[in-house]
Amino acid sequence: MNNSVYILDDRAILYINGSDSKEFLQNLISNDMNKITDSSSCFASLLTPQGKFLYEFIILKHKQGYFIDCEKSQAESLFKQLNSYKIRSKVEILNLSNEFVVASFSYEKFLSIEGSKDLLGYTFKYREDPIILDPRNKNLGARLIINLEKLYLSLKKLDLHDANLKEYYSLSHKLGIVPKDLNKLQNKLFGIECNFEELNGIDFKKGCYVGQENTARIKLKNKLSKRIFPINIINGKLHQGESIYNNEMEIGKVLIENDYPFALIKYLDKNFDEKVDFKTREASINIKKPDWIN
């Protein structure tokens, strides 16, 4: 069994509580807050009013409120954005990133822990701290959200051993799920183009939320023609915002150019062929559609 654990030090924890916290989040986020219970967590996003991507996160119940597990580089602006929506709502928003840490370990290890269930987003307590099977894709494994002071004792009791975080990033990239640099996606594509439907991050049956109208329209009118896919560099260098070509035909744009690159791809275009190598200004690349996308 894989006993590796990845300390996700690029993640942050916000905490939202108060009597209006559930309703407050329900009016903002792309998923349905009614799915979140003591034993079930979910993935969701906060979009612009036009439905463009701003933030993504995992939400879980904690005491009388909710933990939001988000990328650290997005935490401060997400904190401000949520506060700007607060108005007269009875909610308190705290940034607990200095106190809590997120650790990730394998799906197999998750199933071996007493109390686990093989359900996406399934959540249970281990010595008072929540463990969640990643609600996006079980191959991303499970997450333990824990106070920093208790972390190493719990890891020892679970027989988990610290491993190189780059392995986790590589796994996520290989699966086709953006692991980091989410700020580079802001306002560049629609939430639904981030594959949030397939990653269980959008609920099309819930009522209004910010960006719902365009999200629903793209889905209902079958207008989804572009998606974010991972890029594999064969050789050369990528630049953010540059075009990707098959011969002379543009099939996409590079959005994240660094270590774990992603592009927005016209995946229904006849010039998008997974078998060929594509070109950018200085690079040769290939692009594969993740197997969890139909």
C-alpha atoms as a PDB file:
ATOM      1  CA  MET A   1       0.000   0.000   0.000  1.00  0.00           C
ATOM      2  CA  ASN A   2       1.135   3.533  -0.781  1.00  0.00           C
ATOM      3  CA  ASN A   3       1.880   5.234   2.555  1.00  0.00           C
ATOM      4  CA  SER A   4       3.062   8.516   1.057  1.00  0.00           C
ATOM      5  CA  VAL A   5       1.557  11.763   2.282  1.00  0.00           C
ATOM      6  CA  TYR A   6       1.835  15.143   0.591  1.00  0.00           C
ATOM      7  CA  ILE A   7       1.732  18.220   2.808  1.00  0.00           C
ATOM      8  CA  LEU A   8      -0.141  20.665   0.576  1.00  0.00           C
ATOM      9  CA  ASP A   9       1.553  23.802   1.860  1.00  0.00           C
ATOM     10  CA  ASP A  10       0.145  25.747  -1.097  1.00  0.00           C
ATOM     11  CA  ARG A  11      -3.395  25.327   0.271  1.00  0.00           C
ATOM     12  CA  ALA A  12      -5.208  27.661   2.652  1.00  0.00           C
ATOM     13  CA  ILE A  13      -8.208  27.253   4.934  1.00  0.00           C
ATOM     14  CA  LEU A  14     -10.944  29.863   5.301  1.00  0.00           C
ATOM     15  CA  TYR A  15     -13.704  29.351   7.847  1.00  0.00           C
ATOM     16  CA  ILE A  16     -17.240  30.696   7.452  1.00  0.00           C
ATOM     17  CA  ASN A  17     -19.693  30.546  10.311  1.00  0.00           C
ATOM     18  CA  GLY A  18     -22.724  32.390  11.609  1.00  0.00           C
ATOM     19  CA  SER A  19     -26.461  31.770  11.358  1.00  0.00           C
ATOM     20  CA  ASP A  20     -26.648  32.796   7.670  1.00  0.00           C
ATOM     21  CA  SER A  21     -23.524  30.961   6.488  1.00  0.00           C
ATOM     22  CA  LYS A  22     -25.279  28.179   4.536  1.00  0.00           C
ATOM     23  CA  GLU A  23     -27.695  30.528   2.757  1.00  0.00           C
ATOM     24  CA  PHE A  24     -24.886  33.047   2.147  1.00  0.00           C
ATOM     25  CA  LEU A  25     -22.750  30.445   0.345  1.00  0.00           C
ATOM     26  CA  GLN A  26     -25.754  28.910  -1.439  1.00  0.00           C
ATOM     27  CA  ASN A  27     -26.420  32.240  -3.187  1.00  0.00           C
ATOM     28  CA  LEU A  28     -22.809  32.535  -4.373  1.00  0.00           C
ATOM     29  CA  ILE A  29     -21.270  29.205  -5.332  1.00  0.00           C
ATOM     30  CA  SER A  30     -21.770  26.853  -8.284  1.00  0.00           C
ATOM     31  CA  ASN A  31     -22.640  23.788  -6.194  1.00  0.00           C
ATOM     32  CA  ASP A  32     -25.519  23.002  -3.849  1.00  0.00           C
ATOM     33  CA  MET A  33     -24.817  23.598  -0.151  1.00  0.00           C
ATOM     34  CA  ASN A  34     -27.485  21.001   0.694  1.00  0.00           C
ATOM     35  CA  LYS A  35     -25.019  18.315  -0.390  1.00  0.00           C
ATOM     36  CA  ILE A  36     -22.697  19.244   2.470  1.00  0.00           C
ATOM     37  CA  THR A  37     -23.216  17.303   5.688  1.00  0.00           C
ATOM     38  CA  ASP A  38     -20.992  15.894   8.428  1.00  0.00           C
ATOM     39  CA  SER A  39     -20.333  12.935   6.128  1.00  0.00           C
ATOM     40  CA  SER A  40     -20.262  14.628   2.710  1.00  0.00           C
ATOM     41  CA  SER A  41     -18.155  17.464   1.273  1.00  0.00           C
ATOM     42  CA  CYS A  42     -18.162  19.012  -2.193  1.00  0.00           C
ATOM     43  CA  PHE A  43     -16.121  20.852  -4.791  1.00  0.00           C
ATOM     44  CA  ALA A  44     -17.382  24.240  -5.991  1.00  0.00           C
ATOM     45  CA  SER A  45     -16.392  27.499  -7.630  1.00  0.00           C
ATOM     46  CA  LEU A  46     -17.112  31.190  -7.381  1.00  0.00           C
ATOM     47  CA  LEU A  47     -17.637  32.770 -10.790  1.00  0.00           C
ATOM     48  CA  THR A  48     -18.051  36.280 -12.161  1.00  0.00           C
ATOM     49  CA  PRO A  49     -21.632  37.417 -12.904  1.00  0.00           C
ATOM     50  CA  GLN A  50     -20.848  36.474 -16.547  1.00  0.00           C
ATOM     51  CA  GLY A  51     -19.926  32.912 -15.501  1.00  0.00           C
ATOM     52  CA  LYS A  52     -16.151  33.325 -15.884  1.00  0.00           C
ATOM     53  CA  PHE A  53     -13.796  31.481 -13.534  1.00  0.00           C
ATOM     54  CA  LEU A  54     -12.561  33.276 -10.404  1.00  0.00           C
ATOM     55  CA  TYR A  55     -11.995  30.737  -7.588  1.00  0.00           C
ATOM     56  CA  GLU A  56     -12.351  27.026  -6.886  1.00  0.00           C
ATOM     57  CA  PHE A  57     -12.341  25.183  -3.570  1.00  0.00           C
ATOM     58  CA  ILE A  58     -13.500  22.199  -1.546  1.00  0.00           C
ATOM     59  CA  ILE A  59     -16.148  22.931   1.110  1.00  0.00           C
ATOM     60  CA  LEU A  60     -16.739  20.813   4.188  1.00  0.00           C
ATOM     61  CA  LYS A  61     -18.813  21.122   7.327  1.00  0.00           C
ATOM     62  CA  HIS A  62     -16.885  22.116  10.441  1.00  0.00           C
ATOM     63  CA  LYS A  63     -18.612  22.635  13.782  1.00  0.00           C
ATOM     64  CA  GLN A  64     -21.328  25.261  13.193  1.00  0.00           C
ATOM     65  CA  GLY A  65     -19.806  26.519   9.939  1.00  0.00           C
ATOM     66  CA  TYR A  66     -17.779  25.519   6.888  1.00  0.00           C
ATOM     67  CA  PHE A  67     -14.136  25.064   6.009  1.00  0.00           C
ATOM     68  CA  ILE A  68     -13.100  26.268   2.555  1.00  0.00           C
ATOM     69  CA  ASP A  69      -9.959  24.533   1.279  1.00  0.00           C
ATOM     70  CA  CYS A  70      -8.532  26.767  -1.486  1.00  0.00           C
ATOM     71  CA  GLU A  71      -5.236  27.516  -3.177  1.00  0.00           C
ATOM     72  CA  LYS A  72      -3.115  29.751  -0.930  1.00  0.00           C
ATOM     73  CA  SER A  73      -2.402  32.190  -3.772  1.00  0.00           C
ATOM     74  CA  GLN A  74      -6.173  32.755  -4.065  1.00  0.00           C
ATOM     75  CA  ALA A  75      -6.993  32.852  -0.346  1.00  0.00           C
ATOM     76  CA  GLU A  76      -6.592  36.555   0.360  1.00  0.00           C
ATOM     77  CA  SER A  77      -8.601  37.747  -2.641  1.00  0.00           C
ATOM     78  CA  LEU A  78     -11.271  35.062  -2.069  1.00  0.00           C
ATOM     79  CA  PHE A  79     -11.493  36.253   1.555  1.00  0.00           C
ATOM     80  CA  LYS A  80     -12.024  39.833   0.328  1.00  0.00           C
ATOM     81  CA  GLN A  81     -14.519  38.769  -2.343  1.00  0.00           C
ATOM     82  CA  LEU A  82     -16.638  36.838   0.165  1.00  0.00           C
ATOM     83  CA  ASN A  83     -16.554  39.790   2.556  1.00  0.00           C
ATOM     84  CA  SER A  84     -17.701  42.119  -0.237  1.00  0.00           C
ATOM     85  CA  TYR A  85     -20.844  39.948  -0.650  1.00  0.00           C
ATOM     86  CA  LYS A  86     -21.540  39.863   3.089  1.00  0.00           C
ATOM     87  CA  ILE A  87     -23.599  43.094   3.354  1.00  0.00           C
ATOM     88  CA  ARG A  88     -26.090  42.366   6.159  1.00  0.00           C
ATOM     89  CA  SER A  89     -25.670  38.593   6.316  1.00  0.00           C
ATOM     90  CA  LYS A  90     -24.958  37.163   9.748  1.00  0.00           C
ATOM     91  CA  VAL A  91     -21.682  35.512   8.797  1.00  0.00           C
ATOM     92  CA  GLU A  92     -18.112  35.654  10.002  1.00  0.00           C
ATOM     93  CA  ILE A  93     -15.247  34.862   7.605  1.00  0.00           C
ATOM     94  CA  LEU A  94     -11.862  33.920   9.028  1.00  0.00           C
ATOM     95  CA  ASN A  95      -8.563  33.081   7.363  1.00  0.00           C
ATOM     96  CA  LEU A  96      -7.175  30.155   9.390  1.00  0.00           C
ATOM     97  CA  SER A  97      -4.279  29.367   7.063  1.00  0.00           C
ATOM     98  CA  ASN A  98      -1.677  29.822   9.787  1.00  0.00           C
ATOM     99  CA  GLU A  99      -3.410  27.278  12.012  1.00  0.00           C
ATOM    100  CA  PHE A 100      -4.602  24.516   9.664  1.00  0.00           C
ATOM    101  CA  VAL A 101      -2.862  22.420   7.067  1.00  0.00           C
ATOM    102  CA  VAL A 102      -4.057  20.089   4.287  1.00  0.00           C
ATOM    103  CA  ALA A 103      -2.371  16.712   3.777  1.00  0.00           C
ATOM    104  CA  SER A 104      -3.157  14.379   0.880  1.00  0.00           C
ATOM    105  CA  PHE A 105      -2.708  10.613   0.633  1.00  0.00           C
ATOM    106  CA  SER A 106      -3.798   7.800  -1.675  1.00  0.00           C
ATOM    107  CA  TYR A 107      -7.270   6.438  -2.364  1.00  0.00           C
ATOM    108  CA  GLU A 108      -6.118   2.951  -1.298  1.00  0.00           C
ATOM    109  CA  LYS A 109      -4.838   4.269   2.024  1.00  0.00           C
ATOM    110  CA  PHE A 110      -8.144   6.117   2.550  1.00  0.00           C
ATOM    111  CA  LEU A 111     -10.117   2.878   2.089  1.00  0.00           C
ATOM    112  CA  SER A 112      -7.911   1.115   4.642  1.00  0.00           C
ATOM    113  CA  ILE A 113      -8.865   3.549   7.435  1.00  0.00           C
ATOM    114  CA  GLU A 114     -11.738   2.472   9.649  1.00  0.00           C
ATOM    115  CA  GLY A 115     -14.841   4.557   8.992  1.00  0.00           C
ATOM    116  CA  SER A 116     -14.090   5.324   5.331  1.00  0.00           C
ATOM    117  CA  LYS A 117     -16.553   4.721   2.492  1.00  0.00           C
ATOM    118  CA  ASP A 118     -15.883   4.524  -1.230  1.00  0.00           C
ATOM    119  CA  LEU A 119     -17.944   7.603  -2.127  1.00  0.00           C
ATOM    120  CA  LEU A 120     -16.642  10.804  -3.714  1.00  0.00           C
ATOM    121  CA  GLY A 121     -16.605  13.565  -1.113  1.00  0.00           C
ATOM    122  CA  TYR A 122     -17.204  11.091   1.722  1.00  0.00           C
ATOM    123  CA  THR A 123     -16.070  12.712   4.968  1.00  0.00           C
ATOM    124  CA  PHE A 124     -15.433  11.252   8.388  1.00  0.00           C
ATOM    125  CA  LYS A 125     -13.500  12.210  11.494  1.00  0.00           C
ATOM    126  CA  TYR A 126     -10.144  10.767  12.423  1.00  0.00           C
ATOM    127  CA  ARG A 127      -9.369  11.761  16.023  1.00  0.00           C
ATOM    128  CA  GLU A 128     -11.682  14.806  15.614  1.00  0.00           C
ATOM    129  CA  ASP A 129     -10.190  15.917  12.269  1.00  0.00           C
ATOM    130  CA  PRO A 130     -11.953  15.554   8.914  1.00  0.00           C
ATOM    131  CA  ILE A 131     -10.705  13.207   6.213  1.00  0.00           C
ATOM    132  CA  ILE A 132     -12.337  13.658   2.796  1.00  0.00           C
ATOM    133  CA  LEU A 133     -12.199  11.501  -0.332  1.00  0.00           C
ATOM    134  CA  ASP A 134     -11.499  14.157  -2.966  1.00  0.00           C
ATOM    135  CA  PRO A 135     -14.930  15.092  -4.406  1.00  0.00           C
ATOM    136  CA  ARG A 136     -13.454  15.773  -7.869  1.00  0.00           C
ATOM    137  CA  ASN A 137     -11.834  12.429  -8.675  1.00  0.00           C
ATOM    138  CA  LYS A 138     -10.952   9.552  -6.362  1.00  0.00           C
ATOM    139  CA  ASN A 139      -7.570   9.122  -8.077  1.00  0.00           C
ATOM    140  CA  LEU A 140      -6.563  12.389  -6.385  1.00  0.00           C
ATOM    141  CA  GLY A 141      -6.864  10.484  -3.102  1.00  0.00           C
ATOM    142  CA  ALA A 142      -8.010  11.827   0.239  1.00  0.00           C
ATOM    143  CA  ARG A 143      -7.341  14.970   2.257  1.00  0.00           C
ATOM    144  CA  LEU A 144      -6.831  15.401   5.969  1.00  0.00           C
ATOM    145  CA  ILE A 145      -7.504  18.922   7.290  1.00  0.00           C
ATOM    146  CA  ILE A 146      -5.840  19.308  10.622  1.00  0.00           C
ATOM    147  CA  ASN A 147      -4.399  21.784  13.079  1.00  0.00           C
ATOM    148  CA  LEU A 148      -0.694  22.174  12.391  1.00  0.00           C
ATOM    149  CA  GLU A 149       0.240  21.240  15.954  1.00  0.00           C
ATOM    150  CA  LYS A 150      -1.492  17.856  15.640  1.00  0.00           C
ATOM    151  CA  LEU A 151      -0.351  17.038  12.116  1.00  0.00           C
ATOM    152  CA  TYR A 152       2.720  14.890  12.709  1.00  0.00           C
ATOM    153  CA  LEU A 153       1.203  12.849  15.519  1.00  0.00           C
ATOM    154  CA  SER A 154      -1.773  11.934  13.302  1.00  0.00           C
ATOM    155  CA  LEU A 155       0.473  11.130  10.336  1.00  0.00           C
ATOM    156  CA  LYS A 156       2.520   8.842  12.579  1.00  0.00           C
ATOM    157  CA  LYS A 157      -0.595   7.067  13.868  1.00  0.00           C
ATOM    158  CA  LEU A 158      -1.807   6.623  10.279  1.00  0.00           C
ATOM    159  CA  ASP A 159       1.646   5.332   9.251  1.00  0.00           C
ATOM    160  CA  LEU A 160       1.970   8.043   6.588  1.00  0.00           C
ATOM    161  CA  HIS A 161       5.359   9.273   5.437  1.00  0.00           C
ATOM    162  CA  ASP A 162       6.141  12.699   3.997  1.00  0.00           C
ATOM    163  CA  ALA A 163       6.742  12.590   0.220  1.00  0.00           C
ATOM    164  CA  ASN A 164       7.736  15.112  -2.445  1.00  0.00           C
ATOM    165  CA  LEU A 165       4.844  17.464  -3.264  1.00  0.00           C
ATOM    166  CA  LYS A 166       5.878  17.472  -6.934  1.00  0.00           C
ATOM    167  CA  GLU A 167       4.629  13.868  -7.165  1.00  0.00           C
ATOM    168  CA  TYR A 168       1.145  15.081  -6.210  1.00  0.00           C
ATOM    169  CA  TYR A 169       1.268  17.942  -8.737  1.00  0.00           C
ATOM    170  CA  SER A 170       2.408  15.525 -11.457  1.00  0.00           C
ATOM    171  CA  LEU A 171      -0.410  13.101 -10.653  1.00  0.00           C
ATOM    172  CA  SER A 172      -2.984  15.897 -10.780  1.00  0.00           C
ATOM    173  CA  HIS A 173      -1.574  17.213 -14.077  1.00  0.00           C
ATOM    174  CA  LYS A 174      -1.554  13.707 -15.574  1.00  0.00           C
ATOM    175  CA  LEU A 175      -5.199  13.264 -14.537  1.00  0.00           C
ATOM    176  CA  GLY A 176      -5.981  16.600 -16.220  1.00  0.00           C
ATOM    177  CA  ILE A 177      -6.914  18.495 -13.048  1.00  0.00           C
ATOM    178  CA  VAL A 178      -5.199  21.856 -12.495  1.00  0.00           C
ATOM    179  CA  PRO A 179      -3.086  21.558  -9.309  1.00  0.00           C
ATOM    180  CA  LYS A 180      -1.836  25.145  -8.942  1.00  0.00           C
ATOM    181  CA  ASP A 181      -1.494  28.617 -10.530  1.00  0.00           C
ATOM    182  CA  LEU A 182      -5.278  29.057 -10.544  1.00  0.00           C
ATOM    183  CA  ASN A 183      -4.954  32.856 -10.652  1.00  0.00           C
ATOM    184  CA  LYS A 184      -3.713  32.490 -14.240  1.00  0.00           C
ATOM    185  CA  LEU A 185      -7.178  31.220 -15.208  1.00  0.00           C
ATOM    186  CA  GLN A 186      -9.164  34.091 -13.702  1.00  0.00           C
ATOM    187  CA  ASN A 187     -11.515  35.761 -16.215  1.00  0.00           C
ATOM    188  CA  LYS A 188      -9.906  33.775 -19.077  1.00  0.00           C
ATOM    189  CA  LEU A 189     -12.558  31.084 -19.489  1.00  0.00           C
ATOM    190  CA  PHE A 190     -16.028  30.086 -18.321  1.00  0.00           C
ATOM    191  CA  GLY A 191     -16.370  27.921 -15.212  1.00  0.00           C
ATOM    192  CA  ILE A 192     -18.018  25.189 -17.269  1.00  0.00           C
ATOM    193  CA  GLU A 193     -14.948  25.205 -19.588  1.00  0.00           C
ATOM    194  CA  CYS A 194     -12.856  24.249 -16.515  1.00  0.00           C
ATOM    195  CA  ASN A 195     -14.600  20.831 -16.649  1.00  0.00           C
ATOM    196  CA  PHE A 196     -16.404  21.615 -13.402  1.00  0.00           C
ATOM    197  CA  GLU A 197     -19.417  19.545 -14.413  1.00  0.00           C
ATOM    198  CA  GLU A 198     -17.297  16.391 -14.762  1.00  0.00           C
ATOM    199  CA  LEU A 199     -15.422  17.272 -11.548  1.00  0.00           C
ATOM    200  CA  ASN A 200     -18.743  17.456  -9.657  1.00  0.00           C
ATOM    201  CA  GLY A 201     -18.400  21.204  -9.108  1.00  0.00           C
ATOM    202  CA  ILE A 202     -21.609  22.512 -10.726  1.00  0.00           C
ATOM    203  CA  ASP A 203     -25.184  21.735  -9.753  1.00  0.00           C
ATOM    204  CA  PHE A 204     -27.586  22.496 -12.614  1.00  0.00           C
ATOM    205  CA  LYS A 205     -30.686  21.879 -10.489  1.00  0.00           C
ATOM    206  CA  LYS A 206     -30.003  24.426  -7.743  1.00  0.00           C
ATOM    207  CA  GLY A 207     -31.389  27.944  -7.885  1.00  0.00           C
ATOM    208  CA  CYS A 208     -29.559  31.143  -8.659  1.00  0.00           C
ATOM    209  CA  TYR A 209     -25.917  31.764  -7.879  1.00  0.00           C
ATOM    210  CA  VAL A 210     -23.352  34.204  -9.257  1.00  0.00           C
ATOM    211  CA  GLY A 211     -22.726  33.354 -12.932  1.00  0.00           C
ATOM    212  CA  GLN A 212     -25.541  30.801 -13.117  1.00  0.00           C
ATOM    213  CA  GLU A 213     -27.300  32.258 -16.162  1.00  0.00           C
ATOM    214  CA  ASN A 214     -24.437  31.882 -18.650  1.00  0.00           C
ATOM    215  CA  THR A 215     -23.356  28.558 -17.144  1.00  0.00           C
ATOM    216  CA  ALA A 216     -26.856  27.142 -17.648  1.00  0.00           C
ATOM    217  CA  ARG A 217     -27.146  28.643 -21.141  1.00  0.00           C
ATOM    218  CA  ILE A 218     -23.874  27.074 -22.354  1.00  0.00           C
ATOM    219  CA  LYS A 219     -25.021  23.706 -20.998  1.00  0.00           C
ATOM    220  CA  LEU A 220     -28.624  23.826 -22.255  1.00  0.00           C
ATOM    221  CA  LYS A 221     -27.782  25.149 -25.720  1.00  0.00           C
ATOM    222  CA  ASN A 222     -24.895  22.692 -26.090  1.00  0.00           C
ATOM    223  CA  LYS A 223     -22.484  25.582 -26.649  1.00  0.00           C
ATOM    224  CA  LEU A 224     -19.528  24.020 -24.830  1.00  0.00           C
ATOM    225  CA  SER A 225     -16.856  23.916 -27.547  1.00  0.00           C
ATOM    226  CA  LYS A 226     -13.710  24.633 -25.506  1.00  0.00           C
ATOM    227  CA  ARG A 227     -12.232  22.943 -22.464  1.00  0.00           C
ATOM    228  CA  ILE A 228      -9.102  23.156 -20.376  1.00  0.00           C
ATOM    229  CA  PHE A 229      -6.717  20.247 -21.025  1.00  0.00           C
ATOM    230  CA  PRO A 230      -3.205  19.463 -19.777  1.00  0.00           C
ATOM    231  CA  ILE A 231      -0.241  20.098 -22.092  1.00  0.00           C
ATOM    232  CA  ASN A 232       2.770  17.789 -22.358  1.00  0.00           C
ATOM    233  CA  ILE A 233       5.873  19.558 -23.657  1.00  0.00           C
ATOM    234  CA  ILE A 234       7.963  17.504 -26.093  1.00  0.00           C
ATOM    235  CA  ASN A 235      10.545  20.257 -26.491  1.00  0.00           C
ATOM    236  CA  GLY A 236      10.880  24.034 -26.354  1.00  0.00           C
ATOM    237  CA  LYS A 237       9.291  26.666 -24.123  1.00  0.00           C
ATOM    238  CA  LEU A 238       5.708  27.819 -23.597  1.00  0.00           C
ATOM    239  CA  HIS A 239       4.447  31.367 -23.089  1.00  0.00           C
ATOM    240  CA  GLN A 240       1.188  32.285 -21.358  1.00  0.00           C
ATOM    241  CA  GLY A 241      -1.522  33.467 -23.747  1.00  0.00           C
ATOM    242  CA  GLU A 242       0.112  32.194 -26.943  1.00  0.00           C
ATOM    243  CA  SER A 243      -1.789  30.246 -29.590  1.00  0.00           C
ATOM    244  CA  ILE A 244      -1.503  26.514 -30.242  1.00  0.00           C
ATOM    245  CA  TYR A 245      -1.604  25.294 -33.855  1.00  0.00           C
ATOM    246  CA  ASN A 246      -2.186  22.146 -35.854  1.00  0.00           C
ATOM    247  CA  ASN A 247      -0.439  23.107 -39.095  1.00  0.00           C
ATOM    248  CA  GLU A 248      -1.734  26.667 -39.629  1.00  0.00           C
ATOM    249  CA  MET A 249      -5.001  26.174 -37.763  1.00  0.00           C
ATOM    250  CA  GLU A 250      -5.338  27.559 -34.230  1.00  0.00           C
ATOM    251  CA  ILE A 251      -6.846  25.002 -31.844  1.00  0.00           C
ATOM    252  CA  GLY A 252      -6.244  26.630 -28.478  1.00  0.00           C
ATOM    253  CA  LYS A 253      -4.401  28.995 -26.156  1.00  0.00           C
ATOM    254  CA  VAL A 254      -1.844  28.390 -23.407  1.00  0.00           C
ATOM    255  CA  LEU A 255      -3.259  29.535 -20.048  1.00  0.00           C
ATOM    256  CA  ILE A 256      -0.733  28.063 -17.594  1.00  0.00           C
ATOM    257  CA  GLU A 257       2.782  27.860 -19.023  1.00  0.00           C
ATOM    258  CA  ASN A 258       4.875  26.752 -16.050  1.00  0.00           C
ATOM    259  CA  ASP A 259       5.716  23.324 -14.584  1.00  0.00           C
ATOM    260  CA  TYR A 260       2.218  21.838 -14.959  1.00  0.00           C
ATOM    261  CA  PRO A 261       0.876  23.543 -18.095  1.00  0.00           C
ATOM    262  CA  PHE A 262      -2.730  23.735 -19.269  1.00  0.00           C
ATOM    263  CA  ALA A 263      -4.452  25.181 -22.322  1.00  0.00           C
ATOM    264  CA  LEU A 264      -7.979  26.098 -23.391  1.00  0.00           C
ATOM    265  CA  ILE A 265      -8.611  23.785 -26.357  1.00  0.00           C
ATOM    266  CA  LYS A 266     -11.272  23.798 -29.098  1.00  0.00           C
ATOM    267  CA  TYR A 267     -11.774  20.109 -28.404  1.00  0.00           C
ATOM    268  CA  LEU A 268     -14.616  19.600 -30.928  1.00  0.00           C
ATOM    269  CA  ASP A 269     -12.676  21.250 -33.774  1.00  0.00           C
ATOM    270  CA  LYS A 270     -11.766  18.901 -36.628  1.00  0.00           C
ATOM    271  CA  ASN A 271      -8.171  20.135 -36.310  1.00  0.00           C
ATOM    272  CA  PHE A 272      -7.902  18.830 -32.754  1.00  0.00           C
ATOM    273  CA  ASP A 273      -6.421  15.365 -33.076  1.00  0.00           C
ATOM    274  CA  GLU A 274      -4.922  13.773 -29.968  1.00  0.00           C
ATOM    275  CA  LYS A 275      -2.586  11.667 -32.109  1.00  0.00           C
ATOM    276  CA  VAL A 276      -0.658  14.606 -33.555  1.00  0.00           C
ATOM    277  CA  ASP A 277       1.907  16.952 -32.077  1.00  0.00           C
ATOM    278  CA  PHE A 278       0.911  20.608 -31.901  1.00  0.00           C
ATOM    279  CA  LYS A 279       3.093  23.693 -32.205  1.00  0.00           C
ATOM    280  CA  THR A 280       3.400  26.973 -30.384  1.00  0.00           C
ATOM    281  CA  ARG A 281       5.863  29.756 -31.131  1.00  0.00           C
ATOM    282  CA  GLU A 282       8.779  27.939 -29.509  1.00  0.00           C
ATOM    283  CA  ALA A 283       7.481  24.525 -28.486  1.00  0.00           C
ATOM    284  CA  SER A 284       6.276  21.195 -29.733  1.00  0.00           C
ATOM    285  CA  ILE A 285       3.573  19.689 -27.514  1.00  0.00           C
ATOM    286  CA  ASN A 286       0.944  17.011 -27.303  1.00  0.00           C
ATOM    287  CA  ILE A 287      -2.476  17.239 -25.706  1.00  0.00           C
ATOM    288  CA  LYS A 288      -4.626  14.375 -24.463  1.00  0.00           C
ATOM    289  CA  LYS A 289      -8.226  14.647 -23.394  1.00  0.00           C
ATOM    290  CA  PRO A 290      -8.585  13.300 -19.820  1.00  0.00           C
ATOM    291  CA  ASP A 291     -10.344   9.909 -19.831  1.00  0.00           C
ATOM    292  CA  TRP A 292     -13.024  11.103 -17.363  1.00  0.00           C
ATOM    293  CA  ILE A 293     -14.388  13.488 -20.019  1.00  0.00           C
ATOM    294  CA  ASN A 294     -16.838  11.896 -22.445  1.00  0.00           C
END
